[in-house]
Amino acid sequence: MLQEFKKFIMRGNVVDLAVAVIIGAAFGRIVASFVNDMLMPVLGMFVGFNFTDLKIVISEAQGDLAEIAVFYGSFIQAVLDFLIIGLAIFLMIKAMNRFQKKKEDAPPPPPLPTKEETLLTEIRDLIAGGQKIA
């Protein structure tokens, strides 16, 4: 059973998937930082408020009870994260497809001549050169 598990884990697609998940998580953190730390403050400056502060208060804080609110500004920020990640992935896949298409469009190399064709070419060259064939 241990050997079967090892064989399963070491398959190319399982390892590729694990690498993709790890890189995707790191890429998601980069995009989230870009949106939270660079894009949203600039956008908030033009709009006049910070998106993460947007909320609908359902119940005000009373004594020890915390405020109950729907933070729709965080949702807007998550949607922007998703759209930027989606755009980046779309552009990467489009570039990869363009590269693969150019690779496929290259004409195949001409086939090598057969042994008979090579011999016939040598005979033709000898005859054209005026040499006798032994």
N, C-alpha and C. Protein backbone atom coordinates (compact mmCIF):
# COMPACT_ATOMS: atom_id res chain seq x y z
N MET A 1 0.83 -1.19 0.00
CA MET A 1 0.00 0.00 0.00
C MET A 1 0.88 1.26 0.00
N LEU A 2 1.98 1.21 0.74
CA LEU A 2 2.89 2.35 0.78
C LEU A 2 3.50 2.60 -0.59
N GLN A 3 3.84 1.53 -1.31
CA GLN A 3 4.40 1.66 -2.65
C GLN A 3 3.39 2.29 -3.61
N GLU A 4 2.12 1.89 -3.51
CA GLU A 4 1.08 2.47 -4.37
C GLU A 4 0.91 3.95 -4.09
N PHE A 5 0.94 4.31 -2.79
CA PHE A 5 0.81 5.72 -2.42
C PHE A 5 1.99 6.52 -2.97
N LYS A 6 3.21 5.98 -2.83
CA LYS A 6 4.40 6.65 -3.35
C LYS A 6 4.30 6.84 -4.86
N LYS A 7 3.84 5.79 -5.56
CA LYS A 7 3.68 5.88 -7.01
C LYS A 7 2.65 6.94 -7.38
N PHE A 8 1.55 7.01 -6.63
CA PHE A 8 0.51 8.00 -6.88
C PHE A 8 1.03 9.42 -6.67
N ILE A 9 1.74 9.64 -5.57
CA ILE A 9 2.23 10.97 -5.24
C ILE A 9 3.30 11.43 -6.23
N MET A 10 4.09 10.53 -6.73
CA MET A 10 5.18 10.90 -7.61
C MET A 10 4.77 11.04 -9.07
N ARG A 11 3.51 10.83 -9.36
CA ARG A 11 3.04 11.07 -10.73
C ARG A 11 3.26 12.53 -11.08
N GLY A 12 3.50 12.78 -12.34
CA GLY A 12 3.78 14.14 -12.79
C GLY A 12 2.65 15.10 -12.52
N ASN A 13 1.42 14.69 -12.79
CA ASN A 13 0.31 15.64 -12.65
C ASN A 13 0.02 15.96 -11.18
N VAL A 14 0.27 15.05 -10.25
CA VAL A 14 0.06 15.35 -8.84
C VAL A 14 1.10 16.36 -8.37
N VAL A 15 2.33 16.16 -8.74
CA VAL A 15 3.40 17.09 -8.36
C VAL A 15 3.16 18.44 -9.04
N ASP A 16 2.79 18.44 -10.31
CA ASP A 16 2.50 19.70 -11.01
C ASP A 16 1.37 20.46 -10.33
N LEU A 17 0.34 19.73 -9.91
CA LEU A 17 -0.79 20.37 -9.24
C LEU A 17 -0.36 20.98 -7.92
N ALA A 18 0.47 20.26 -7.16
CA ALA A 18 0.96 20.80 -5.89
C ALA A 18 1.78 22.06 -6.11
N VAL A 19 2.63 22.05 -7.11
CA VAL A 19 3.44 23.24 -7.42
C VAL A 19 2.52 24.39 -7.83
N ALA A 20 1.51 24.10 -8.64
CA ALA A 20 0.59 25.14 -9.09
C ALA A 20 -0.17 25.75 -7.93
N VAL A 21 -0.60 24.94 -6.98
CA VAL A 21 -1.33 25.46 -5.82
C VAL A 21 -0.43 26.37 -4.99
N ILE A 22 0.81 25.95 -4.78
CA ILE A 22 1.74 26.76 -3.98
C ILE A 22 2.04 28.08 -4.68
N ILE A 23 2.32 28.02 -5.97
CA ILE A 23 2.60 29.25 -6.73
C ILE A 23 1.35 30.13 -6.79
N GLY A 24 0.19 29.51 -6.96
CA GLY A 24 -1.05 30.27 -7.00
C GLY A 24 -1.32 31.00 -5.69
N ALA A 25 -1.04 30.34 -4.57
CA ALA A 25 -1.24 30.99 -3.26
C ALA A 25 -0.28 32.18 -3.11
N ALA A 26 0.97 31.99 -3.52
CA ALA A 26 1.93 33.08 -3.43
C ALA A 26 1.53 34.23 -4.35
N PHE A 27 1.07 33.89 -5.56
CA PHE A 27 0.63 34.91 -6.51
C PHE A 27 -0.59 35.66 -5.95
N GLY A 28 -1.49 34.92 -5.29
CA GLY A 28 -2.66 35.56 -4.69
C GLY A 28 -2.27 36.55 -3.61
N ARG A 29 -1.25 36.23 -2.81
CA ARG A 29 -0.79 37.16 -1.78
C ARG A 29 -0.17 38.40 -2.41
N ILE A 30 0.56 38.21 -3.52
CA ILE A 30 1.16 39.35 -4.21
C ILE A 30 0.06 40.28 -4.73
N VAL A 31 -0.94 39.70 -5.37
CA VAL A 31 -2.03 40.51 -5.91
C VAL A 31 -2.82 41.19 -4.79
N ALA A 32 -3.07 40.45 -3.69
CA ALA A 32 -3.79 41.06 -2.56
C ALA A 32 -3.00 42.23 -1.99
N SER A 33 -1.70 42.09 -1.89
CA SER A 33 -0.87 43.19 -1.40
C SER A 33 -0.92 44.37 -2.37
N PHE A 34 -0.86 44.06 -3.68
CA PHE A 34 -0.94 45.13 -4.68
C PHE A 34 -2.25 45.89 -4.55
N VAL A 35 -3.35 45.15 -4.42
CA VAL A 35 -4.66 45.80 -4.33
C VAL A 35 -4.79 46.56 -3.01
N ASN A 36 -4.44 45.91 -1.88
CA ASN A 36 -4.63 46.53 -0.58
C ASN A 36 -3.68 47.69 -0.32
N ASP A 37 -2.42 47.53 -0.71
CA ASP A 37 -1.40 48.50 -0.33
C ASP A 37 -1.11 49.56 -1.38
N MET A 38 -1.44 49.28 -2.65
CA MET A 38 -1.10 50.24 -3.69
C MET A 38 -2.34 50.78 -4.43
N LEU A 39 -3.22 49.90 -4.84
CA LEU A 39 -4.35 50.32 -5.67
C LEU A 39 -5.46 50.99 -4.84
N MET A 40 -5.86 50.34 -3.74
CA MET A 40 -6.99 50.87 -2.97
C MET A 40 -6.70 52.23 -2.33
N PRO A 41 -5.50 52.48 -1.78
CA PRO A 41 -5.26 53.82 -1.24
C PRO A 41 -5.36 54.92 -2.30
N VAL A 42 -4.83 54.64 -3.49
CA VAL A 42 -4.92 55.63 -4.57
C VAL A 42 -6.37 55.82 -4.99
N LEU A 43 -7.08 54.70 -5.15
CA LEU A 43 -8.49 54.78 -5.51
C LEU A 43 -9.29 55.48 -4.41
N GLY A 44 -8.97 55.18 -3.16
CA GLY A 44 -9.64 55.85 -2.04
C GLY A 44 -9.37 57.34 -2.01
N MET A 45 -8.16 57.75 -2.43
CA MET A 45 -7.82 59.17 -2.46
C MET A 45 -8.70 59.89 -3.49
N PHE A 46 -8.91 59.25 -4.66
CA PHE A 46 -9.74 59.88 -5.68
C PHE A 46 -11.21 59.88 -5.30
N VAL A 47 -11.66 58.80 -4.66
CA VAL A 47 -13.06 58.69 -4.27
C VAL A 47 -13.33 59.50 -3.01
N GLY A 48 -12.34 59.56 -2.11
CA GLY A 48 -12.50 60.35 -0.89
C GLY A 48 -12.71 59.51 0.35
N PHE A 49 -12.67 58.19 0.25
CA PHE A 49 -12.82 57.33 1.42
C PHE A 49 -12.12 56.01 1.15
N ASN A 50 -11.91 55.25 2.21
CA ASN A 50 -11.25 53.95 2.12
C ASN A 50 -12.31 52.88 1.95
N PHE A 51 -12.14 52.00 0.97
CA PHE A 51 -13.14 50.97 0.70
C PHE A 51 -13.32 50.00 1.87
N THR A 52 -12.25 49.72 2.59
CA THR A 52 -12.38 48.75 3.69
C THR A 52 -13.21 49.31 4.83
N ASP A 53 -13.41 50.63 4.86
CA ASP A 53 -14.24 51.23 5.90
C ASP A 53 -15.72 51.19 5.56
N LEU A 54 -16.06 50.81 4.33
CA LEU A 54 -17.47 50.77 3.94
C LEU A 54 -18.17 49.62 4.64
N LYS A 55 -19.27 49.94 5.30
CA LYS A 55 -20.02 48.91 6.03
C LYS A 55 -21.45 49.38 6.27
N ILE A 56 -22.28 48.40 6.51
CA ILE A 56 -23.66 48.67 6.91
C ILE A 56 -23.78 48.18 8.36
N VAL A 57 -24.06 49.10 9.28
CA VAL A 57 -24.14 48.74 10.70
C VAL A 57 -25.53 48.19 10.97
N ILE A 58 -25.55 46.96 11.46
CA ILE A 58 -26.81 46.31 11.81
C ILE A 58 -27.17 46.62 13.26
N SER A 59 -26.16 46.55 14.13
CA SER A 59 -26.39 46.82 15.55
C SER A 59 -25.17 47.57 16.09
N GLU A 60 -25.42 48.72 16.72
CA GLU A 60 -24.34 49.51 17.31
C GLU A 60 -23.73 48.76 18.49
N ALA A 61 -22.48 49.09 18.79
CA ALA A 61 -21.82 48.50 19.95
C ALA A 61 -22.51 48.98 21.22
N GLN A 62 -22.78 48.06 22.14
CA GLN A 62 -23.44 48.40 23.40
C GLN A 62 -22.71 47.71 24.54
N GLY A 63 -22.05 48.48 25.34
CA GLY A 63 -21.32 47.92 26.47
C GLY A 63 -20.22 46.99 26.02
N ASP A 64 -20.31 45.71 26.44
CA ASP A 64 -19.30 44.72 26.08
C ASP A 64 -19.57 44.10 24.71
N LEU A 65 -20.74 44.33 24.15
CA LEU A 65 -21.08 43.74 22.85
C LEU A 65 -20.46 44.56 21.72
N ALA A 66 -19.83 43.87 20.82
CA ALA A 66 -19.19 44.53 19.69
C ALA A 66 -20.25 44.92 18.65
N GLU A 67 -19.87 45.84 17.79
CA GLU A 67 -20.74 46.27 16.70
C GLU A 67 -20.95 45.12 15.71
N ILE A 68 -22.16 44.99 15.22
CA ILE A 68 -22.46 44.00 14.20
C ILE A 68 -22.67 44.77 12.90
N ALA A 69 -21.88 44.42 11.89
CA ALA A 69 -21.93 45.17 10.64
C ALA A 69 -21.61 44.25 9.47
N VAL A 70 -22.09 44.64 8.30
CA VAL A 70 -21.75 43.97 7.05
C VAL A 70 -20.69 44.82 6.37
N PHE A 71 -19.48 44.27 6.24
CA PHE A 71 -18.36 45.01 5.67
C PHE A 71 -18.31 44.76 4.15
N TYR A 72 -19.12 45.48 3.41
CA TYR A 72 -19.16 45.29 1.96
C TYR A 72 -17.95 45.90 1.26
N GLY A 73 -17.23 46.79 1.92
CA GLY A 73 -16.00 47.34 1.36
C GLY A 73 -14.94 46.26 1.20
N SER A 74 -14.85 45.35 2.16
CA SER A 74 -13.91 44.24 2.06
C SER A 74 -14.30 43.33 0.90
N PHE A 75 -15.60 43.19 0.68
CA PHE A 75 -16.07 42.38 -0.44
C PHE A 75 -15.66 43.02 -1.77
N ILE A 76 -15.82 44.34 -1.87
CA ILE A 76 -15.41 45.05 -3.09
C ILE A 76 -13.92 44.83 -3.33
N GLN A 77 -13.14 44.89 -2.27
CA GLN A 77 -11.70 44.68 -2.38
C GLN A 77 -11.40 43.25 -2.83
N ALA A 78 -12.12 42.26 -2.32
CA ALA A 78 -11.92 40.87 -2.73
C ALA A 78 -12.28 40.68 -4.19
N VAL A 79 -13.34 41.35 -4.65
CA VAL A 79 -13.73 41.27 -6.06
C VAL A 79 -12.63 41.87 -6.94
N LEU A 80 -12.07 42.99 -6.52
CA LEU A 80 -10.96 43.58 -7.29
C LEU A 80 -9.76 42.64 -7.32
N ASP A 81 -9.46 41.99 -6.19
CA ASP A 81 -8.38 40.99 -6.16
C ASP A 81 -8.64 39.91 -7.21
N PHE A 82 -9.86 39.38 -7.21
CA PHE A 82 -10.23 38.31 -8.14
C PHE A 82 -10.10 38.77 -9.59
N LEU A 83 -10.57 39.96 -9.89
CA LEU A 83 -10.51 40.45 -11.27
C LEU A 83 -9.06 40.65 -11.72
N ILE A 84 -8.21 41.16 -10.84
CA ILE A 84 -6.82 41.36 -11.21
C ILE A 84 -6.12 40.02 -11.40
N ILE A 85 -6.37 39.05 -10.51
CA ILE A 85 -5.79 37.72 -10.66
C ILE A 85 -6.28 37.09 -11.97
N GLY A 86 -7.57 37.19 -12.24
CA GLY A 86 -8.12 36.64 -13.47
C GLY A 86 -7.50 37.26 -14.71
N LEU A 87 -7.31 38.58 -14.69
CA LEU A 87 -6.69 39.27 -15.82
C LEU A 87 -5.25 38.81 -16.00
N ALA A 88 -4.52 38.69 -14.91
CA ALA A 88 -3.12 38.27 -15.00
C ALA A 88 -3.02 36.85 -15.55
N ILE A 89 -3.87 35.95 -15.10
CA ILE A 89 -3.85 34.57 -15.59
C ILE A 89 -4.26 34.54 -17.06
N PHE A 90 -5.26 35.32 -17.44
CA PHE A 90 -5.68 35.38 -18.84
C PHE A 90 -4.53 35.84 -19.74
N LEU A 91 -3.81 36.88 -19.31
CA LEU A 91 -2.70 37.38 -20.12
C LEU A 91 -1.57 36.37 -20.20
N MET A 92 -1.30 35.64 -19.10
CA MET A 92 -0.26 34.61 -19.14
C MET A 92 -0.63 33.49 -20.09
N ILE A 93 -1.87 33.02 -20.03
CA ILE A 93 -2.31 31.92 -20.89
C ILE A 93 -2.32 32.37 -22.35
N LYS A 94 -2.75 33.61 -22.59
CA LYS A 94 -2.76 34.13 -23.96
C LYS A 94 -1.34 34.18 -24.53
N ALA A 95 -0.37 34.61 -23.71
CA ALA A 95 1.02 34.65 -24.17
C ALA A 95 1.55 33.25 -24.41
N MET A 96 1.21 32.30 -23.54
CA MET A 96 1.65 30.92 -23.72
C MET A 96 1.06 30.33 -24.99
N ASN A 97 -0.22 30.59 -25.24
CA ASN A 97 -0.86 30.07 -26.46
C ASN A 97 -0.23 30.67 -27.70
N ARG A 98 0.11 31.93 -27.66
CA ARG A 98 0.74 32.58 -28.80
C ARG A 98 2.10 31.94 -29.07
N PHE A 99 2.85 31.65 -28.01
CA PHE A 99 4.15 31.01 -28.15
C PHE A 99 4.00 29.61 -28.73
N GLN A 100 3.02 28.86 -28.25
CA GLN A 100 2.80 27.51 -28.75
C GLN A 100 2.34 27.54 -30.20
N LYS A 101 1.52 28.52 -30.57
CA LYS A 101 1.04 28.61 -31.94
C LYS A 101 2.20 28.88 -32.89
N LYS A 102 3.13 29.78 -32.51
CA LYS A 102 4.29 30.04 -33.35
C LYS A 102 5.15 28.79 -33.49
N LYS A 103 5.26 28.05 -32.41
CA LYS A 103 6.03 26.82 -32.43
C LYS A 103 5.41 25.80 -33.38
N GLU A 104 4.07 25.71 -33.37
CA GLU A 104 3.37 24.77 -34.23
C GLU A 104 3.38 25.22 -35.69
N ASP A 105 3.43 26.53 -35.95
CA ASP A 105 3.39 27.04 -37.32
C ASP A 105 4.69 26.81 -38.07
N ALA A 106 5.78 26.53 -37.37
CA ALA A 106 7.06 26.31 -38.04
C ALA A 106 6.94 25.08 -38.93
N PRO A 107 7.41 25.18 -40.19
CA PRO A 107 7.28 24.03 -41.09
C PRO A 107 8.16 22.88 -40.61
N PRO A 108 7.69 21.68 -40.81
CA PRO A 108 8.50 20.52 -40.38
C PRO A 108 9.74 20.42 -41.25
N PRO A 109 10.82 19.89 -40.70
CA PRO A 109 12.03 19.75 -41.51
C PRO A 109 11.78 18.74 -42.63
N PRO A 110 12.46 18.94 -43.78
CA PRO A 110 12.23 18.02 -44.90
C PRO A 110 12.73 16.62 -44.51
N PRO A 111 12.05 15.60 -45.02
CA PRO A 111 12.47 14.23 -44.67
C PRO A 111 13.83 13.92 -45.28
N LEU A 112 14.58 13.10 -44.56
CA LEU A 112 15.89 12.69 -45.05
C LEU A 112 15.71 11.78 -46.26
N PRO A 113 16.61 11.87 -47.25
CA PRO A 113 16.47 11.00 -48.43
C PRO A 113 16.75 9.55 -48.03
N THR A 114 16.08 8.66 -48.74
CA THR A 114 16.29 7.23 -48.49
C THR A 114 17.64 6.82 -49.03
N LYS A 115 18.05 5.61 -48.72
CA LYS A 115 19.35 5.10 -49.17
C LYS A 115 19.38 5.02 -50.71
N GLU A 116 18.25 4.63 -51.30
CA GLU A 116 18.19 4.53 -52.76
C GLU A 116 18.33 5.89 -53.41
N GLU A 117 17.66 6.90 -52.82
CA GLU A 117 17.74 8.25 -53.37
C GLU A 117 19.17 8.78 -53.29
N THR A 118 19.84 8.51 -52.17
CA THR A 118 21.22 8.96 -52.01
C THR A 118 22.12 8.32 -53.07
N LEU A 119 21.98 7.02 -53.28
CA LEU A 119 22.78 6.33 -54.29
C LEU A 119 22.49 6.85 -55.69
N LEU A 120 21.21 7.06 -55.99
CA LEU A 120 20.85 7.59 -57.30
C LEU A 120 21.40 8.99 -57.51
N THR A 121 21.42 9.80 -56.46
CA THR A 121 21.98 11.15 -56.57
C THR A 121 23.48 11.09 -56.84
N GLU A 122 24.16 10.18 -56.17
CA GLU A 122 25.60 10.02 -56.40
C GLU A 122 25.86 9.57 -57.84
N ILE A 123 25.05 8.62 -58.33
CA ILE A 123 25.21 8.14 -59.72
C ILE A 123 24.96 9.28 -60.69
N ARG A 124 23.92 10.06 -60.47
CA ARG A 124 23.61 11.19 -61.34
C ARG A 124 24.77 12.18 -61.37
N ASP A 125 25.33 12.49 -60.19
CA ASP A 125 26.45 13.43 -60.12
C ASP A 125 27.67 12.90 -60.85
N LEU A 126 27.91 11.60 -60.74
CA LEU A 126 29.05 11.01 -61.43
C LEU A 126 28.87 11.07 -62.95
N ILE A 127 27.65 10.80 -63.39
CA ILE A 127 27.38 10.85 -64.84
C ILE A 127 27.49 12.29 -65.34
N ALA A 128 26.97 13.24 -64.59
CA ALA A 128 27.02 14.63 -64.98
C ALA A 128 28.47 15.13 -65.02
N GLY A 129 29.32 14.57 -64.17
CA GLY A 129 30.73 14.98 -64.12
C GLY A 129 31.56 14.30 -65.21
N GLY A 130 31.00 13.37 -65.97
CA GLY A 130 31.70 12.70 -67.04
C GLY A 130 32.57 11.56 -66.55
N GLN A 131 32.36 11.08 -65.39
CA GLN A 131 33.16 9.97 -64.87
C GLN A 131 32.50 8.65 -65.24
N LYS A 132 33.31 7.62 -65.36
CA LYS A 132 32.78 6.30 -65.63
C LYS A 132 32.38 5.64 -64.32
N ILE A 133 31.32 4.91 -64.40
CA ILE A 133 30.85 4.17 -63.25
C ILE A 133 31.43 2.78 -63.32
N ALA A 134 32.04 2.34 -62.24
CA ALA A 134 32.68 1.02 -62.27
C ALA A 134 31.68 -0.07 -62.08
